[in-house]
Amino acid sequence: MKTAGVAAAYDRWAPIYDLVFGKVFTEGRSDAIVAAEAVLPEGGRILEVGVGTGISLPQYRRSTRLVGIDISDAMLDKARERKRKLGLDNVEDIAVMDAEAMRFATGEFDVVVAQYVVTACPHPEAALDEFVRVVRPGGEIVIATRIGANGVGLRGRIEKLLMPITTRLGFRTEFPYSRYENWARRNGKVELLENRPLPPLGHFSLVRYRKIRD
């Protein structure tokens, strides 16, 4: 997977993304937003990485200050239009940006939310490192993510077979939880707060980390 290829894939998804993935991930998005807003300090800011068409933006409280980024400008055109139509004045900015090299200051946000985006990054661990960099010490990283079967059983075999197809579509089917464990151990700046299954079918999880204070 390469950044340009992922951007092109999601540019193609833009016209139908909400129709295909909207209802499927509604509950997972809601859980991630509730978790993020529960720890947001008064006047705090959330960065949503992979905001896409902005489908989740109306689910946040109007008092929540938001910045959204995505690699696909076509997806963001939908997000900008949604912000305009719904009068989402709490959304401060919507910008094209690479999750693996964000143009934000260190510690700029109180919470980073990443919904169904980590497995779409060409270098997921680099993106996770960036999440840690841009969140303040004591802040949280809230991730809704696909968790693969680690090659085990029928599901694991299917995920492996689908990988050549799904990578062209802009995401991975093979992505075991051990990648998160290994990354957190190497990064050394986060502590795991939660890992629980999300619908549909328990193939996804809500994973929460806190950035350790110095």
C-alpha atoms as a PDB file:
ATOM      1  CA  MET A   1       0.000   0.000   0.000  1.00  0.00           C
ATOM      2  CA  LYS A   2       1.211   3.493  -0.904  1.00  0.00           C
ATOM      3  CA  THR A   3      -0.168   6.859   0.176  1.00  0.00           C
ATOM      4  CA  ALA A   4      -1.061   7.964  -3.354  1.00  0.00           C
ATOM      5  CA  GLY A   5      -2.831   4.679  -4.001  1.00  0.00           C
ATOM      6  CA  VAL A   6      -4.858   4.932  -0.796  1.00  0.00           C
ATOM      7  CA  ALA A   7      -5.843   8.523  -1.612  1.00  0.00           C
ATOM      8  CA  ALA A   8      -6.938   7.487  -5.109  1.00  0.00           C
ATOM      9  CA  ALA A   9      -8.905   4.537  -3.726  1.00  0.00           C
ATOM     10  CA  TYR A  10     -10.863   6.737  -1.324  1.00  0.00           C
ATOM     11  CA  ASP A  11     -11.410   9.381  -3.986  1.00  0.00           C
ATOM     12  CA  ARG A  12     -13.229   6.611  -5.853  1.00  0.00           C
ATOM     13  CA  TRP A  13     -15.135   5.585  -2.706  1.00  0.00           C
ATOM     14  CA  ALA A  14     -16.311   9.146  -2.014  1.00  0.00           C
ATOM     15  CA  PRO A  15     -19.610   9.105  -3.989  1.00  0.00           C
ATOM     16  CA  ILE A  16     -20.838   5.881  -2.353  1.00  0.00           C
ATOM     17  CA  TYR A  17     -18.932   5.663   0.941  1.00  0.00           C
ATOM     18  CA  ASP A  18     -21.838   6.697   3.181  1.00  0.00           C
ATOM     19  CA  LEU A  19     -24.188   4.283   1.439  1.00  0.00           C
ATOM     20  CA  VAL A  20     -21.792   1.326   1.709  1.00  0.00           C
ATOM     21  CA  PHE A  21     -20.292   1.902   5.161  1.00  0.00           C
ATOM     22  CA  GLY A  22     -22.639   4.333   6.890  1.00  0.00           C
ATOM     23  CA  LYS A  23     -25.004   1.994   8.729  1.00  0.00           C
ATOM     24  CA  VAL A  24     -22.459  -0.801   9.161  1.00  0.00           C
ATOM     25  CA  PHE A  25     -20.205   1.292  11.384  1.00  0.00           C
ATOM     26  CA  THR A  26     -22.808   3.506  13.079  1.00  0.00           C
ATOM     27  CA  GLU A  27     -22.560   1.845  16.485  1.00  0.00           C
ATOM     28  CA  GLY A  28     -18.780   1.711  16.422  1.00  0.00           C
ATOM     29  CA  ARG A  29     -18.551   5.394  15.546  1.00  0.00           C
ATOM     30  CA  SER A  30     -20.993   6.259  18.324  1.00  0.00           C
ATOM     31  CA  ASP A  31     -18.978   4.296  20.892  1.00  0.00           C
ATOM     32  CA  ALA A  32     -15.736   5.983  19.834  1.00  0.00           C
ATOM     33  CA  ILE A  33     -17.269   9.458  20.049  1.00  0.00           C
ATOM     34  CA  VAL A  34     -18.839   8.804  23.457  1.00  0.00           C
ATOM     35  CA  ALA A  35     -15.466   7.573  24.746  1.00  0.00           C
ATOM     36  CA  ALA A  36     -13.651  10.613  23.343  1.00  0.00           C
ATOM     37  CA  GLU A  37     -16.090  13.193  24.684  1.00  0.00           C
ATOM     38  CA  ALA A  38     -16.203  11.531  28.111  1.00  0.00           C
ATOM     39  CA  VAL A  39     -12.569  12.492  28.737  1.00  0.00           C
ATOM     40  CA  LEU A  40     -12.508  15.806  26.863  1.00  0.00           C
ATOM     41  CA  PRO A  41     -11.771  18.711  29.217  1.00  0.00           C
ATOM     42  CA  GLU A  42     -13.877  21.849  29.024  1.00  0.00           C
ATOM     43  CA  GLY A  43     -12.695  23.864  26.055  1.00  0.00           C
ATOM     44  CA  GLY A  44     -10.676  20.908  24.776  1.00  0.00           C
ATOM     45  CA  ARG A  45     -10.126  19.890  21.160  1.00  0.00           C
ATOM     46  CA  ILE A  46     -10.523  16.605  19.312  1.00  0.00           C
ATOM     47  CA  LEU A  47      -8.629  15.667  16.165  1.00  0.00           C
ATOM     48  CA  GLU A  48     -10.455  13.125  14.014  1.00  0.00           C
ATOM     49  CA  VAL A  49      -7.990  11.378  11.723  1.00  0.00           C
ATOM     50  CA  GLY A  50      -9.571   9.854   8.640  1.00  0.00           C
ATOM     51  CA  VAL A  51     -12.684  12.000   8.942  1.00  0.00           C
ATOM     52  CA  GLY A  52     -13.629  11.026   5.390  1.00  0.00           C
ATOM     53  CA  THR A  53     -17.031  12.322   4.303  1.00  0.00           C
ATOM     54  CA  GLY A  54     -17.598  13.741   7.770  1.00  0.00           C
ATOM     55  CA  ILE A  55     -20.267  11.153   8.476  1.00  0.00           C
ATOM     56  CA  SER A  56     -19.452  11.198  12.197  1.00  0.00           C
ATOM     57  CA  LEU A  57     -19.261  14.987  12.623  1.00  0.00           C
ATOM     58  CA  PRO A  58     -22.961  15.502  13.493  1.00  0.00           C
ATOM     59  CA  GLN A  59     -22.671  12.865  16.241  1.00  0.00           C
ATOM     60  CA  TYR A  60     -20.384  15.047  18.343  1.00  0.00           C
ATOM     61  CA  ARG A  61     -21.842  17.547  20.780  1.00  0.00           C
ATOM     62  CA  ARG A  62     -22.045  21.038  19.303  1.00  0.00           C
ATOM     63  CA  SER A  63     -19.834  22.241  22.153  1.00  0.00           C
ATOM     64  CA  THR A  64     -17.001  19.904  21.097  1.00  0.00           C
ATOM     65  CA  ARG A  65     -14.229  21.641  19.155  1.00  0.00           C
ATOM     66  CA  LEU A  66     -13.170  19.509  16.207  1.00  0.00           C
ATOM     67  CA  VAL A  67     -10.508  19.332  13.527  1.00  0.00           C
ATOM     68  CA  GLY A  68     -10.815  16.692  10.811  1.00  0.00           C
ATOM     69  CA  ILE A  69      -8.176  15.426   8.385  1.00  0.00           C
ATOM     70  CA  ASP A  70      -8.097  12.853   5.608  1.00  0.00           C
ATOM     71  CA  ILE A  71      -5.833  11.857   2.740  1.00  0.00           C
ATOM     72  CA  SER A  72      -8.670  12.037   0.197  1.00  0.00           C
ATOM     73  CA  ASP A  73      -9.759  15.469  -0.979  1.00  0.00           C
ATOM     74  CA  ALA A  74     -12.832  14.018  -2.687  1.00  0.00           C
ATOM     75  CA  MET A  75     -13.978  12.560   0.637  1.00  0.00           C
ATOM     76  CA  LEU A  76     -13.320  15.887   2.331  1.00  0.00           C
ATOM     77  CA  ASP A  77     -15.453  17.723  -0.224  1.00  0.00           C
ATOM     78  CA  LYS A  78     -18.351  15.706   1.218  1.00  0.00           C
ATOM     79  CA  ALA A  79     -17.286  16.605   4.755  1.00  0.00           C
ATOM     80  CA  ARG A  80     -17.081  20.308   3.930  1.00  0.00           C
ATOM     81  CA  GLU A  81     -20.544  20.207   2.392  1.00  0.00           C
ATOM     82  CA  ARG A  82     -21.908  18.387   5.447  1.00  0.00           C
ATOM     83  CA  LYS A  83     -20.381  21.009   7.735  1.00  0.00           C
ATOM     84  CA  ARG A  84     -21.941  23.787   5.661  1.00  0.00           C
ATOM     85  CA  LYS A  85     -25.405  22.228   5.363  1.00  0.00           C
ATOM     86  CA  LEU A  86     -25.661  21.335   9.047  1.00  0.00           C
ATOM     87  CA  GLY A  87     -24.072  24.527  10.331  1.00  0.00           C
ATOM     88  CA  LEU A  88     -21.386  22.652  12.274  1.00  0.00           C
ATOM     89  CA  ASP A  89     -19.577  25.729  13.559  1.00  0.00           C
ATOM     90  CA  ASN A  90     -17.751  23.619  16.148  1.00  0.00           C
ATOM     91  CA  VAL A  91     -15.715  22.069  13.314  1.00  0.00           C
ATOM     92  CA  GLU A  92     -12.715  24.393  13.197  1.00  0.00           C
ATOM     93  CA  ASP A  93     -10.951  22.943  10.176  1.00  0.00           C
ATOM     94  CA  ILE A  94     -11.169  20.160   7.600  1.00  0.00           C
ATOM     95  CA  ALA A  95      -7.871  19.580   5.829  1.00  0.00           C
ATOM     96  CA  VAL A  96      -6.085  17.189   3.502  1.00  0.00           C
ATOM     97  CA  MET A  97      -3.274  15.645   5.480  1.00  0.00           C
ATOM     98  CA  ASP A  98      -1.287  12.424   5.716  1.00  0.00           C
ATOM     99  CA  ALA A  99      -1.898  10.658   9.038  1.00  0.00           C
ATOM    100  CA  GLU A 100       1.713   9.512   8.988  1.00  0.00           C
ATOM    101  CA  ALA A 101       3.137  13.067   8.786  1.00  0.00           C
ATOM    102  CA  MET A 102       0.697  15.565  10.273  1.00  0.00           C
ATOM    103  CA  ARG A 103       1.327  19.294  10.222  1.00  0.00           C
ATOM    104  CA  PHE A 104       0.292  19.891  13.835  1.00  0.00           C
ATOM    105  CA  ALA A 105       2.342  20.959  16.809  1.00  0.00           C
ATOM    106  CA  THR A 106       3.309  18.387  19.410  1.00  0.00           C
ATOM    107  CA  GLY A 107       0.612  18.037  22.072  1.00  0.00           C
ATOM    108  CA  GLU A 108      -1.868  20.231  20.193  1.00  0.00           C
ATOM    109  CA  PHE A 109      -4.968  18.100  20.904  1.00  0.00           C
ATOM    110  CA  ASP A 110      -6.661  16.656  23.979  1.00  0.00           C
ATOM    111  CA  VAL A 111      -8.007  13.578  22.196  1.00  0.00           C
ATOM    112  CA  VAL A 112      -7.238  11.907  18.877  1.00  0.00           C
ATOM    113  CA  VAL A 113     -10.033   9.842  17.337  1.00  0.00           C
ATOM    114  CA  ALA A 114      -9.262   7.422  14.488  1.00  0.00           C
ATOM    115  CA  GLN A 115     -12.260   5.514  13.178  1.00  0.00           C
ATOM    116  CA  TYR A 116     -11.607   2.670  10.747  1.00  0.00           C
ATOM    117  CA  VAL A 117      -8.476   4.331   9.418  1.00  0.00           C
ATOM    118  CA  VAL A 118      -5.403   2.640  10.958  1.00  0.00           C
ATOM    119  CA  THR A 119      -5.685  -0.424   8.708  1.00  0.00           C
ATOM    120  CA  ALA A 120      -5.938   1.888   5.683  1.00  0.00           C
ATOM    121  CA  CYS A 121      -2.585   3.559   6.392  1.00  0.00           C
ATOM    122  CA  PRO A 122       0.387   2.328   4.339  1.00  0.00           C
ATOM    123  CA  HIS A 123       2.523   2.386   7.527  1.00  0.00           C
ATOM    124  CA  PRO A 124       0.100   1.984  10.457  1.00  0.00           C
ATOM    125  CA  GLU A 125       2.730   2.208  13.184  1.00  0.00           C
ATOM    126  CA  ALA A 126       3.973   5.527  11.784  1.00  0.00           C
ATOM    127  CA  ALA A 127       0.420   6.873  11.973  1.00  0.00           C
ATOM    128  CA  LEU A 128       0.051   5.625  15.546  1.00  0.00           C
ATOM    129  CA  ASP A 129       3.300   7.372  16.471  1.00  0.00           C
ATOM    130  CA  GLU A 130       1.880  10.585  15.035  1.00  0.00           C
ATOM    131  CA  PHE A 131      -1.310  10.189  17.099  1.00  0.00           C
ATOM    132  CA  VAL A 132       0.853  10.036  20.196  1.00  0.00           C
ATOM    133  CA  ARG A 133       2.903  13.040  19.139  1.00  0.00           C
ATOM    134  CA  VAL A 134      -0.015  15.409  18.526  1.00  0.00           C
ATOM    135  CA  VAL A 135      -1.996  14.506  21.666  1.00  0.00           C
ATOM    136  CA  ARG A 136      -1.071  16.190  24.950  1.00  0.00           C
ATOM    137  CA  PRO A 137       0.421  14.199  27.851  1.00  0.00           C
ATOM    138  CA  GLY A 138      -2.494  12.639  29.711  1.00  0.00           C
ATOM    139  CA  GLY A 139      -4.665  12.887  26.587  1.00  0.00           C
ATOM    140  CA  GLU A 140      -6.280   9.896  24.931  1.00  0.00           C
ATOM    141  CA  ILE A 141      -6.183   8.127  21.586  1.00  0.00           C
ATOM    142  CA  VAL A 142      -9.497   6.465  20.709  1.00  0.00           C
ATOM    143  CA  ILE A 143      -9.370   3.969  17.856  1.00  0.00           C
ATOM    144  CA  ALA A 144     -12.154   2.011  16.173  1.00  0.00           C
ATOM    145  CA  THR A 145     -10.342  -0.626  14.184  1.00  0.00           C
ATOM    146  CA  ARG A 146     -10.569  -3.889  12.350  1.00  0.00           C
ATOM    147  CA  ILE A 147      -8.869  -6.733  14.208  1.00  0.00           C
ATOM    148  CA  GLY A 148      -7.834  -9.675  12.080  1.00  0.00           C
ATOM    149  CA  ALA A 149      -7.917 -13.346  13.027  1.00  0.00           C
ATOM    150  CA  ASN A 150      -4.113 -13.598  12.880  1.00  0.00           C
ATOM    151  CA  GLY A 151      -4.296 -16.269  10.198  1.00  0.00           C
ATOM    152  CA  VAL A 152      -6.284 -18.621  12.436  1.00  0.00           C
ATOM    153  CA  GLY A 153      -9.202 -20.716  11.169  1.00  0.00           C
ATOM    154  CA  LEU A 154     -11.480 -20.095   8.210  1.00  0.00           C
ATOM    155  CA  ARG A 155     -11.751 -16.373   8.901  1.00  0.00           C
ATOM    156  CA  GLY A 156      -7.970 -16.035   8.954  1.00  0.00           C
ATOM    157  CA  ARG A 157      -7.645 -17.860   5.635  1.00  0.00           C
ATOM    158  CA  ILE A 158     -10.337 -15.692   4.053  1.00  0.00           C
ATOM    159  CA  GLU A 159      -8.655 -12.508   5.294  1.00  0.00           C
ATOM    160  CA  LYS A 160      -5.377 -13.593   3.772  1.00  0.00           C
ATOM    161  CA  LEU A 161      -7.004 -14.464   0.446  1.00  0.00           C
ATOM    162  CA  LEU A 162      -8.776 -11.099   0.322  1.00  0.00           C
ATOM    163  CA  MET A 163      -5.700  -8.992   1.049  1.00  0.00           C
ATOM    164  CA  PRO A 164      -4.614  -8.510  -2.604  1.00  0.00           C
ATOM    165  CA  ILE A 165      -8.117  -7.225  -3.382  1.00  0.00           C
ATOM    166  CA  THR A 166      -8.748  -5.103  -0.295  1.00  0.00           C
ATOM    167  CA  THR A 167      -5.375  -3.350  -0.462  1.00  0.00           C
ATOM    168  CA  ARG A 168      -6.370  -2.069  -3.920  1.00  0.00           C
ATOM    169  CA  LEU A 169      -9.628  -0.881  -2.354  1.00  0.00           C
ATOM    170  CA  GLY A 170      -7.678   1.028   0.294  1.00  0.00           C
ATOM    171  CA  PHE A 171      -7.703  -1.153   3.418  1.00  0.00           C
ATOM    172  CA  ARG A 172      -6.371  -4.343   4.973  1.00  0.00           C
ATOM    173  CA  THR A 173      -8.300  -7.410   6.072  1.00  0.00           C
ATOM    174  CA  GLU A 174      -5.247  -8.956   7.790  1.00  0.00           C
ATOM    175  CA  PHE A 175      -4.367  -6.902  10.869  1.00  0.00           C
ATOM    176  CA  PRO A 176      -3.869  -8.839  14.134  1.00  0.00           C
ATOM    177  CA  TYR A 177      -4.122  -7.168  17.527  1.00  0.00           C
ATOM    178  CA  SER A 178      -0.487  -8.121  18.132  1.00  0.00           C
ATOM    179  CA  ARG A 179       0.511  -5.226  15.865  1.00  0.00           C
ATOM    180  CA  TYR A 180      -1.023  -2.820  18.377  1.00  0.00           C
ATOM    181  CA  GLU A 181       0.652  -4.633  21.276  1.00  0.00           C
ATOM    182  CA  ASN A 182       4.053  -4.588  19.593  1.00  0.00           C
ATOM    183  CA  TRP A 183       3.690  -0.950  18.594  1.00  0.00           C
ATOM    184  CA  ALA A 184       2.688   0.190  22.116  1.00  0.00           C
ATOM    185  CA  ARG A 185       5.645  -1.680  23.608  1.00  0.00           C
ATOM    186  CA  ARG A 186       8.063  -0.096  21.158  1.00  0.00           C
ATOM    187  CA  ASN A 187       6.575   3.396  21.384  1.00  0.00           C
ATOM    188  CA  GLY A 188       6.748   3.354  25.176  1.00  0.00           C
ATOM    189  CA  LYS A 189       4.676   6.519  25.633  1.00  0.00           C
ATOM    190  CA  VAL A 190       1.190   5.038  25.973  1.00  0.00           C
ATOM    191  CA  GLU A 191      -0.782   2.855  28.339  1.00  0.00           C
ATOM    192  CA  LEU A 192      -3.685   0.700  27.190  1.00  0.00           C
ATOM    193  CA  LEU A 193      -7.000   1.694  28.761  1.00  0.00           C
ATOM    194  CA  GLU A 194      -9.474  -0.472  26.869  1.00  0.00           C
ATOM    195  CA  ASN A 195      -9.801  -3.090  24.159  1.00  0.00           C
ATOM    196  CA  ARG A 196     -13.345  -4.321  23.560  1.00  0.00           C
ATOM    197  CA  PRO A 197     -15.165  -5.765  20.564  1.00  0.00           C
ATOM    198  CA  LEU A 198     -17.440  -3.692  18.368  1.00  0.00           C
ATOM    199  CA  PRO A 199     -20.097  -4.774  15.872  1.00  0.00           C
ATOM    200  CA  PRO A 200     -20.436  -6.118  13.300  1.00  0.00           C
ATOM    201  CA  LEU A 201     -19.598  -9.720  14.242  1.00  0.00           C
ATOM    202  CA  GLY A 202     -16.845  -8.777  16.690  1.00  0.00           C
ATOM    203  CA  HIS A 203     -14.367  -8.285  13.838  1.00  0.00           C
ATOM    204  CA  PHE A 204     -13.696  -4.743  15.050  1.00  0.00           C
ATOM    205  CA  SER A 205     -12.574  -3.299  18.378  1.00  0.00           C
ATOM    206  CA  LEU A 206     -12.518  -0.067  20.338  1.00  0.00           C
ATOM    207  CA  VAL A 207      -8.936   0.443  21.480  1.00  0.00           C
ATOM    208  CA  ARG A 208      -8.070   3.313  23.836  1.00  0.00           C
ATOM    209  CA  TYR A 209      -4.656   4.535  24.938  1.00  0.00           C
ATOM    210  CA  ARG A 210      -3.559   7.312  27.256  1.00  0.00           C
ATOM    211  CA  LYS A 211      -0.359   9.232  26.557  1.00  0.00           C
ATOM    212  CA  ILE A 212       1.837   8.855  29.591  1.00  0.00           C
ATOM    213  CA  ARG A 213       2.726  12.082  31.354  1.00  0.00           C
ATOM    214  CA  ASP A 214       6.448  12.869  31.533  1.00  0.00           C
END
